[in-house]
Structure formats: structure tokens, C-alpha cells
Amino acid sequence: MTSDLYRRWLLEMWNGDFELAYELVTPDFTGHWPGMDVTGPAGLVEALQQGYAPFTGVKVTLDVGPIVDGDLVSARWTFTGGYRGGIPGASVAEGTEVAFSGHDILRAEGDRFAEYWVISDAQTFNKKLGIS
């Protein structure tokens, strides 16, 4: 069940169906990004919208997993998209294809996710965008 929930999380919600957050996470959901926490489904939707705004044609793929251990699930993914502009310090041309990978760990409560930790390859992301 948790592996199916994760596949919906990554392959549907992270590929553009942001409103699924209201179905996939608990009302008191907490998402932990490096340097930022978000709460609740609305906070998650806002974080997704902000993260996608500088890109077109976003595609998120599942590379490894999901790996389930009790109420925890983890996986490795890859994000690709065309840079449309708007990231401070980025020096690449608009339209440049950007790809980077990351790892998720989520904690489920019943049939929804209650907590999320993510780490992504910021070094590769910055390099692809020409950020020093």
C-alpha cells in the first residue's frame, strides 16, 4: 500500500497534479526541505508551484524503489525540465535542459503521508544552471 501511495506521490503529483496533495498527505503534514519546512497540503502545493515555476516540460522519474520499512518509504528520483528563467545567479540560457537527482524519505500515517524529508543533488543542479 505504501509503495502505491509513493508512486502516486512521485509519478502523479510531482509530475504536475499538485492538487493530489490534498488526497495524499495528512492535514498536519510537514515537509522538510534543506533550509525550509512546509506544512499541510496547501503548503506542499505552494512549494511545488514555486519549485516548478522556473521550468517547462518537467518530468520526474523513479530511479530506485520505493523501499518500504514499516511506515517509512524511500526512493531515488530524477527531475528534468527546461530552464525558463528566474533563479538568482543562474547564467545558462533559457531553454537549457536541466536534470538532477535526489532521495525521498516519507512517513505514512494510515493511507496518507504525514512527514517528508528530501535531499537533492544541489551541486549538480547549480552546475547545470551555471551558478557558482
C-alpha atoms as a PDB file:
ATOM      1  CA  MET A   1       0.000   0.000   0.000  1.00  0.00           C
ATOM      2  CA  THR A   2       2.724   2.482   0.965  1.00  0.00           C
ATOM      3  CA  SER A   3       4.630   1.741  -2.255  1.00  0.00           C
ATOM      4  CA  ASP A   4       1.479   2.513  -4.298  1.00  0.00           C
ATOM      5  CA  LEU A   5       0.986   5.724  -2.318  1.00  0.00           C
ATOM      6  CA  TYR A   6       4.572   6.721  -3.074  1.00  0.00           C
ATOM      7  CA  ARG A   7       4.166   6.040  -6.787  1.00  0.00           C
ATOM      8  CA  ARG A   8       1.138   8.382  -6.836  1.00  0.00           C
ATOM      9  CA  TRP A   9       3.178  10.947  -4.832  1.00  0.00           C
ATOM     10  CA  LEU A  10       6.088  10.905  -7.256  1.00  0.00           C
ATOM     11  CA  LEU A  11       4.713   9.901 -10.645  1.00  0.00           C
ATOM     12  CA  GLU A  12       1.401  11.776 -10.491  1.00  0.00           C
ATOM     13  CA  MET A  13       1.682  14.658  -8.013  1.00  0.00           C
ATOM     14  CA  TRP A  14       5.316  15.571  -8.732  1.00  0.00           C
ATOM     15  CA  ASN A  15       4.584  15.358 -12.467  1.00  0.00           C
ATOM     16  CA  GLY A  16       2.079  18.184 -12.272  1.00  0.00           C
ATOM     17  CA  ASP A  17      -1.099  17.049 -10.496  1.00  0.00           C
ATOM     18  CA  PHE A  18      -0.334  19.221  -7.456  1.00  0.00           C
ATOM     19  CA  GLU A  19      -3.911  19.130  -6.143  1.00  0.00           C
ATOM     20  CA  LEU A  20      -3.350  15.448  -5.292  1.00  0.00           C
ATOM     21  CA  ALA A  21      -1.568  16.782  -2.206  1.00  0.00           C
ATOM     22  CA  TYR A  22      -4.989  17.157  -0.569  1.00  0.00           C
ATOM     23  CA  GLU A  23      -5.556  13.425  -1.047  1.00  0.00           C
ATOM     24  CA  LEU A  24      -2.036  12.108  -0.402  1.00  0.00           C
ATOM     25  CA  VAL A  25      -0.933  13.962   2.753  1.00  0.00           C
ATOM     26  CA  THR A  26      -2.414  14.448   6.211  1.00  0.00           C
ATOM     27  CA  PRO A  27      -3.843  17.830   7.234  1.00  0.00           C
ATOM     28  CA  ASP A  28      -0.864  18.327   9.595  1.00  0.00           C
ATOM     29  CA  PHE A  29       1.736  17.123   7.051  1.00  0.00           C
ATOM     30  CA  THR A  30       5.256  18.510   7.463  1.00  0.00           C
ATOM     31  CA  GLY A  31       7.726  18.553   4.569  1.00  0.00           C
ATOM     32  CA  HIS A  32      11.396  19.122   5.330  1.00  0.00           C
ATOM     33  CA  TRP A  33      13.499  20.600   2.523  1.00  0.00           C
ATOM     34  CA  PRO A  34      17.044  21.816   3.173  1.00  0.00           C
ATOM     35  CA  GLY A  35      16.530  25.272   4.688  1.00  0.00           C
ATOM     36  CA  MET A  36      12.723  25.170   4.575  1.00  0.00           C
ATOM     37  CA  ASP A  37       9.776  23.368   6.137  1.00  0.00           C
ATOM     38  CA  VAL A  38       6.242  23.379   4.742  1.00  0.00           C
ATOM     39  CA  THR A  39       3.056  22.347   6.497  1.00  0.00           C
ATOM     40  CA  GLY A  40      -0.245  20.972   5.324  1.00  0.00           C
ATOM     41  CA  PRO A  41      -1.415  20.141   1.824  1.00  0.00           C
ATOM     42  CA  ALA A  42      -1.688  23.826   0.870  1.00  0.00           C
ATOM     43  CA  GLY A  43       1.923  24.435   1.903  1.00  0.00           C
ATOM     44  CA  LEU A  44       3.017  21.460  -0.179  1.00  0.00           C
ATOM     45  CA  VAL A  45       1.108  22.709  -3.232  1.00  0.00           C
ATOM     46  CA  GLU A  46       2.713  26.146  -2.845  1.00  0.00           C
ATOM     47  CA  ALA A  47       6.208  24.614  -2.565  1.00  0.00           C
ATOM     48  CA  LEU A  48       5.601  22.520  -5.685  1.00  0.00           C
ATOM     49  CA  GLN A  49       4.357  25.526  -7.646  1.00  0.00           C
ATOM     50  CA  GLN A  50       7.358  27.632  -6.604  1.00  0.00           C
ATOM     51  CA  GLY A  51       9.792  24.831  -7.422  1.00  0.00           C
ATOM     52  CA  TYR A  52       8.336  24.277 -10.869  1.00  0.00           C
ATOM     53  CA  ALA A  53       7.901  27.939 -11.854  1.00  0.00           C
ATOM     54  CA  PRO A  54      11.427  28.316 -13.336  1.00  0.00           C
ATOM     55  CA  PHE A  55      10.995  25.217 -15.571  1.00  0.00           C
ATOM     56  CA  THR A  56       8.975  23.953 -18.515  1.00  0.00           C
ATOM     57  CA  GLY A  57       8.302  20.371 -19.515  1.00  0.00           C
ATOM     58  CA  VAL A  58       9.067  18.994 -16.071  1.00  0.00           C
ATOM     59  CA  LYS A  59       9.308  15.222 -15.785  1.00  0.00           C
ATOM     60  CA  VAL A  60      10.105  13.346 -12.590  1.00  0.00           C
ATOM     61  CA  THR A  61      11.084   9.698 -12.891  1.00  0.00           C
ATOM     62  CA  LEU A  62      11.526   6.955 -10.322  1.00  0.00           C
ATOM     63  CA  ASP A  63      15.058   5.535 -10.398  1.00  0.00           C
ATOM     64  CA  VAL A  64      15.208   3.232  -7.349  1.00  0.00           C
ATOM     65  CA  GLY A  65      12.473   1.961  -5.066  1.00  0.00           C
ATOM     66  CA  PRO A  66      10.240   2.609  -3.433  1.00  0.00           C
ATOM     67  CA  ILE A  67      11.767   0.790  -0.485  1.00  0.00           C
ATOM     68  CA  VAL A  68       9.290   0.249   2.355  1.00  0.00           C
ATOM     69  CA  ASP A  69      10.161  -0.374   6.015  1.00  0.00           C
ATOM     70  CA  GLY A  70       7.131  -0.254   8.296  1.00  0.00           C
ATOM     71  CA  ASP A  71       5.597   3.218   7.988  1.00  0.00           C
ATOM     72  CA  LEU A  72       8.637   4.601   6.127  1.00  0.00           C
ATOM     73  CA  VAL A  73       9.225   4.656   2.384  1.00  0.00           C
ATOM     74  CA  SER A  74      12.281   5.848   0.494  1.00  0.00           C
ATOM     75  CA  ALA A  75      13.268   6.182  -3.149  1.00  0.00           C
ATOM     76  CA  ARG A  76      15.624   7.856  -5.591  1.00  0.00           C
ATOM     77  CA  TRP A  77      14.284  10.057  -8.385  1.00  0.00           C
ATOM     78  CA  THR A  78      15.426  12.291 -11.254  1.00  0.00           C
ATOM     79  CA  PHE A  79      13.967  15.710 -12.157  1.00  0.00           C
ATOM     80  CA  THR A  80      14.318  17.065 -15.708  1.00  0.00           C
ATOM     81  CA  GLY A  81      12.999  20.252 -17.228  1.00  0.00           C
ATOM     82  CA  GLY A  82      13.819  23.169 -19.471  1.00  0.00           C
ATOM     83  CA  TYR A  83      15.043  26.270 -17.656  1.00  0.00           C
ATOM     84  CA  ARG A  84      12.705  29.215 -18.253  1.00  0.00           C
ATOM     85  CA  GLY A  85      14.498  31.765 -16.070  1.00  0.00           C
ATOM     86  CA  GLY A  86      14.055  33.398 -12.704  1.00  0.00           C
ATOM     87  CA  ILE A  87      16.610  31.688 -10.485  1.00  0.00           C
ATOM     88  CA  PRO A  88      19.039  34.218  -8.968  1.00  0.00           C
ATOM     89  CA  GLY A  89      22.608  33.643 -10.109  1.00  0.00           C
ATOM     90  CA  ALA A  90      21.738  31.293 -12.978  1.00  0.00           C
ATOM     91  CA  SER A  91      23.758  32.084 -16.093  1.00  0.00           C
ATOM     92  CA  VAL A  92      22.528  29.463 -18.590  1.00  0.00           C
ATOM     93  CA  ALA A  93      20.284  30.379 -21.471  1.00  0.00           C
ATOM     94  CA  GLU A  94      16.550  29.928 -21.207  1.00  0.00           C
ATOM     95  CA  GLY A  95      15.573  26.560 -22.674  1.00  0.00           C
ATOM     96  CA  THR A  96      18.645  24.800 -21.281  1.00  0.00           C
ATOM     97  CA  GLU A  97      17.716  21.265 -20.224  1.00  0.00           C
ATOM     98  CA  VAL A  98      18.422  20.648 -16.537  1.00  0.00           C
ATOM     99  CA  ALA A  99      18.489  17.274 -14.780  1.00  0.00           C
ATOM    100  CA  PHE A 100      19.373  16.338 -11.220  1.00  0.00           C
ATOM    101  CA  SER A 101      18.565  13.533  -8.798  1.00  0.00           C
ATOM    102  CA  GLY A 102      17.511  13.225  -5.198  1.00  0.00           C
ATOM    103  CA  HIS A 103      16.215  10.969  -2.458  1.00  0.00           C
ATOM    104  CA  ASP A 104      12.967  10.958  -0.519  1.00  0.00           C
ATOM    105  CA  ILE A 105      12.032   9.520   2.838  1.00  0.00           C
ATOM    106  CA  LEU A 106       8.378   9.721   3.836  1.00  0.00           C
ATOM    107  CA  ARG A 107       6.487   8.587   6.917  1.00  0.00           C
ATOM    108  CA  ALA A 108       2.949   7.310   6.423  1.00  0.00           C
ATOM    109  CA  GLU A 109       0.024   7.561   8.809  1.00  0.00           C
ATOM    110  CA  GLY A 110      -2.712   5.262   7.592  1.00  0.00           C
ATOM    111  CA  ASP A 111      -3.215   5.851   3.881  1.00  0.00           C
ATOM    112  CA  ARG A 112      -1.502   9.273   3.714  1.00  0.00           C
ATOM    113  CA  PHE A 113       1.930  10.742   4.209  1.00  0.00           C
ATOM    114  CA  ALA A 114       2.471  12.750   7.387  1.00  0.00           C
ATOM    115  CA  GLU A 115       6.133  13.693   7.078  1.00  0.00           C
ATOM    116  CA  TYR A 116       8.643  14.127   4.279  1.00  0.00           C
ATOM    117  CA  TRP A 117      12.413  14.575   4.089  1.00  0.00           C
ATOM    118  CA  VAL A 118      14.160  15.281   0.805  1.00  0.00           C
ATOM    119  CA  ILE A 119      17.753  15.730  -0.212  1.00  0.00           C
ATOM    120  CA  SER A 120      18.666  16.564  -3.779  1.00  0.00           C
ATOM    121  CA  ASP A 121      21.921  16.947  -5.655  1.00  0.00           C
ATOM    122  CA  ALA A 122      22.192  20.726  -5.288  1.00  0.00           C
ATOM    123  CA  GLN A 123      25.771  20.713  -6.602  1.00  0.00           C
ATOM    124  CA  THR A 124      24.714  19.211  -9.949  1.00  0.00           C
ATOM    125  CA  PHE A 125      21.596  21.433 -10.057  1.00  0.00           C
ATOM    126  CA  ASN A 126      23.686  24.580  -9.554  1.00  0.00           C
ATOM    127  CA  LYS A 127      26.314  23.451 -12.065  1.00  0.00           C
ATOM    128  CA  LYS A 128      23.662  22.799 -14.736  1.00  0.00           C
ATOM    129  CA  LEU A 129      22.272  26.309 -14.130  1.00  0.00           C
ATOM    130  CA  GLY A 130      25.709  27.944 -14.218  1.00  0.00           C
ATOM    131  CA  ILE A 131      25.501  29.038 -10.579  1.00  0.00           C
ATOM    132  CA  SER A 132      28.912  29.341  -8.948  1.00  0.00           C
END
